[in-house]
Amino acid sequence: MAVTKQQKAEILKKFRTSELDTGSTAVQIALLTARINELTPHFTKHKKDHHGVRGLMTCVNQRRKLLDYMKRSDLRKYEALIKELDIRK
């Protein structure tokens, strides 16, 4: 159900800017997107899991804040990231 260590390592490898980068904005957005994509099918099956939906909305809101920050600070990286993660139209 959750994102495994191996999946996290692959995401880190793909989106990091340097060898020691584990917390840049792009990495955080990619990890949150993976978590959101893992949780979403659960809620189509379990419609009454309202406490879990609250956690999902927290992740979505955190990703939204990070995306807004990235859009303000580096527009080119932002556009490349949303295209690669297929977040928006």
C-alpha atoms as a PDB file:
ATOM      1  CA  MET A   1       0.000   0.000   0.000  1.00  0.00           C
ATOM      2  CA  ALA A   2       2.697   2.495   0.972  1.00  0.00           C
ATOM      3  CA  VAL A   3       5.629   3.603  -1.138  1.00  0.00           C
ATOM      4  CA  THR A   4       8.464   1.136  -0.535  1.00  0.00           C
ATOM      5  CA  LYS A   5      12.091   1.982   0.209  1.00  0.00           C
ATOM      6  CA  GLN A   6      13.077   0.809  -3.254  1.00  0.00           C
ATOM      7  CA  GLN A   7      10.501   3.070  -4.916  1.00  0.00           C
ATOM      8  CA  LYS A   8      11.684   6.012  -2.793  1.00  0.00           C
ATOM      9  CA  ALA A   9      15.290   5.319  -3.792  1.00  0.00           C
ATOM     10  CA  GLU A  10      14.311   5.304  -7.487  1.00  0.00           C
ATOM     11  CA  ILE A  11      12.443   8.600  -7.090  1.00  0.00           C
ATOM     12  CA  LEU A  12      15.422  10.129  -5.288  1.00  0.00           C
ATOM     13  CA  LYS A  13      17.764   8.956  -8.021  1.00  0.00           C
ATOM     14  CA  LYS A  14      15.544  10.415 -10.706  1.00  0.00           C
ATOM     15  CA  PHE A  15      14.781  13.853  -9.243  1.00  0.00           C
ATOM     16  CA  ARG A  16      17.784  14.793  -7.113  1.00  0.00           C
ATOM     17  CA  THR A  17      20.064  17.619  -8.138  1.00  0.00           C
ATOM     18  CA  SER A  18      23.222  16.278  -6.470  1.00  0.00           C
ATOM     19  CA  GLU A  19      24.457  13.074  -4.864  1.00  0.00           C
ATOM     20  CA  LEU A  20      23.462  14.130  -1.344  1.00  0.00           C
ATOM     21  CA  ASP A  21      20.138  15.765  -2.282  1.00  0.00           C
ATOM     22  CA  THR A  22      17.232  14.187  -0.413  1.00  0.00           C
ATOM     23  CA  GLY A  23      15.064  17.179   0.423  1.00  0.00           C
ATOM     24  CA  SER A  24      14.926  19.562  -2.505  1.00  0.00           C
ATOM     25  CA  THR A  25      11.560  20.815  -3.616  1.00  0.00           C
ATOM     26  CA  ALA A  26      11.459  18.576  -6.692  1.00  0.00           C
ATOM     27  CA  VAL A  27      12.248  15.470  -4.637  1.00  0.00           C
ATOM     28  CA  GLN A  28       9.589  16.315  -2.050  1.00  0.00           C
ATOM     29  CA  ILE A  29       6.976  16.903  -4.743  1.00  0.00           C
ATOM     30  CA  ALA A  30       7.848  13.629  -6.472  1.00  0.00           C
ATOM     31  CA  LEU A  31       7.625  11.665  -3.208  1.00  0.00           C
ATOM     32  CA  LEU A  32       4.284  13.246  -2.315  1.00  0.00           C
ATOM     33  CA  THR A  33       2.965  12.493  -5.803  1.00  0.00           C
ATOM     34  CA  ALA A  34       3.972   8.844  -5.454  1.00  0.00           C
ATOM     35  CA  ARG A  35       2.235   8.658  -2.083  1.00  0.00           C
ATOM     36  CA  ILE A  36      -0.913  10.323  -3.437  1.00  0.00           C
ATOM     37  CA  ASN A  37      -0.981   7.949  -6.404  1.00  0.00           C
ATOM     38  CA  GLU A  38      -0.681   4.976  -4.037  1.00  0.00           C
ATOM     39  CA  LEU A  39      -3.470   6.180  -1.728  1.00  0.00           C
ATOM     40  CA  THR A  40      -6.031   7.265  -4.332  1.00  0.00           C
ATOM     41  CA  PRO A  41      -7.212   3.756  -5.398  1.00  0.00           C
ATOM     42  CA  HIS A  42      -7.752   2.839  -1.739  1.00  0.00           C
ATOM     43  CA  PHE A  43     -10.410   5.524  -1.384  1.00  0.00           C
ATOM     44  CA  THR A  44     -12.341   4.446  -4.466  1.00  0.00           C
ATOM     45  CA  LYS A  45     -12.742   1.050  -2.809  1.00  0.00           C
ATOM     46  CA  HIS A  46     -13.210   2.226   0.801  1.00  0.00           C
ATOM     47  CA  LYS A  47     -15.595   5.147   0.500  1.00  0.00           C
ATOM     48  CA  LYS A  48     -16.193   5.532   4.254  1.00  0.00           C
ATOM     49  CA  ASP A  49     -12.534   5.915   5.238  1.00  0.00           C
ATOM     50  CA  HIS A  50     -12.904   9.576   6.151  1.00  0.00           C
ATOM     51  CA  HIS A  51      -9.863   9.679   8.438  1.00  0.00           C
ATOM     52  CA  GLY A  52      -7.665   8.436   5.610  1.00  0.00           C
ATOM     53  CA  VAL A  53      -9.089  11.022   3.240  1.00  0.00           C
ATOM     54  CA  ARG A  54      -7.982  13.688   5.696  1.00  0.00           C
ATOM     55  CA  GLY A  55      -4.414  12.396   5.457  1.00  0.00           C
ATOM     56  CA  LEU A  56      -4.631  12.329   1.672  1.00  0.00           C
ATOM     57  CA  MET A  57      -5.852  15.929   1.603  1.00  0.00           C
ATOM     58  CA  THR A  58      -2.926  16.912   3.826  1.00  0.00           C
ATOM     59  CA  CYS A  59      -0.533  15.404   1.276  1.00  0.00           C
ATOM     60  CA  VAL A  60      -2.307  17.133  -1.612  1.00  0.00           C
ATOM     61  CA  ASN A  61      -2.209  20.493   0.182  1.00  0.00           C
ATOM     62  CA  GLN A  62       1.476  20.119   1.040  1.00  0.00           C
ATOM     63  CA  ARG A  63       2.267  19.280  -2.600  1.00  0.00           C
ATOM     64  CA  ARG A  64       0.238  22.293  -3.730  1.00  0.00           C
ATOM     65  CA  LYS A  65       2.263  24.594  -1.453  1.00  0.00           C
ATOM     66  CA  LEU A  66       5.551  23.155  -2.709  1.00  0.00           C
ATOM     67  CA  LEU A  67       4.419  23.499  -6.334  1.00  0.00           C
ATOM     68  CA  ASP A  68       3.458  27.137  -5.737  1.00  0.00           C
ATOM     69  CA  TYR A  69       6.871  27.804  -4.210  1.00  0.00           C
ATOM     70  CA  MET A  70       8.652  26.105  -7.099  1.00  0.00           C
ATOM     71  CA  LYS A  71       6.599  28.075  -9.620  1.00  0.00           C
ATOM     72  CA  ARG A  72       7.658  31.340  -7.963  1.00  0.00           C
ATOM     73  CA  SER A  73      11.314  30.408  -7.624  1.00  0.00           C
ATOM     74  CA  ASP A  74      12.124  28.474 -10.832  1.00  0.00           C
ATOM     75  CA  LEU A  75       9.489  28.384 -13.553  1.00  0.00           C
ATOM     76  CA  ARG A  76      11.442  26.165 -15.976  1.00  0.00           C
ATOM     77  CA  LYS A  77      12.022  23.421 -13.411  1.00  0.00           C
ATOM     78  CA  TYR A  78       8.375  23.704 -12.360  1.00  0.00           C
ATOM     79  CA  GLU A  79       7.109  23.190 -15.906  1.00  0.00           C
ATOM     80  CA  ALA A  80       9.487  20.275 -16.484  1.00  0.00           C
ATOM     81  CA  LEU A  81       8.443  18.638 -13.213  1.00  0.00           C
ATOM     82  CA  ILE A  82       4.690  18.865 -13.758  1.00  0.00           C
ATOM     83  CA  LYS A  83       5.173  17.518 -17.267  1.00  0.00           C
ATOM     84  CA  GLU A  84       7.268  14.587 -16.050  1.00  0.00           C
ATOM     85  CA  LEU A  85       4.984  13.735 -13.116  1.00  0.00           C
ATOM     86  CA  ASP A  86       1.855  14.321 -15.232  1.00  0.00           C
ATOM     87  CA  ILE A  87       0.234  16.337 -12.473  1.00  0.00           C
ATOM     88  CA  ARG A  88      -1.709  18.824 -14.570  1.00  0.00           C
ATOM     89  CA  LYS A  89      -2.917  19.476 -18.069  1.00  0.00           C
END
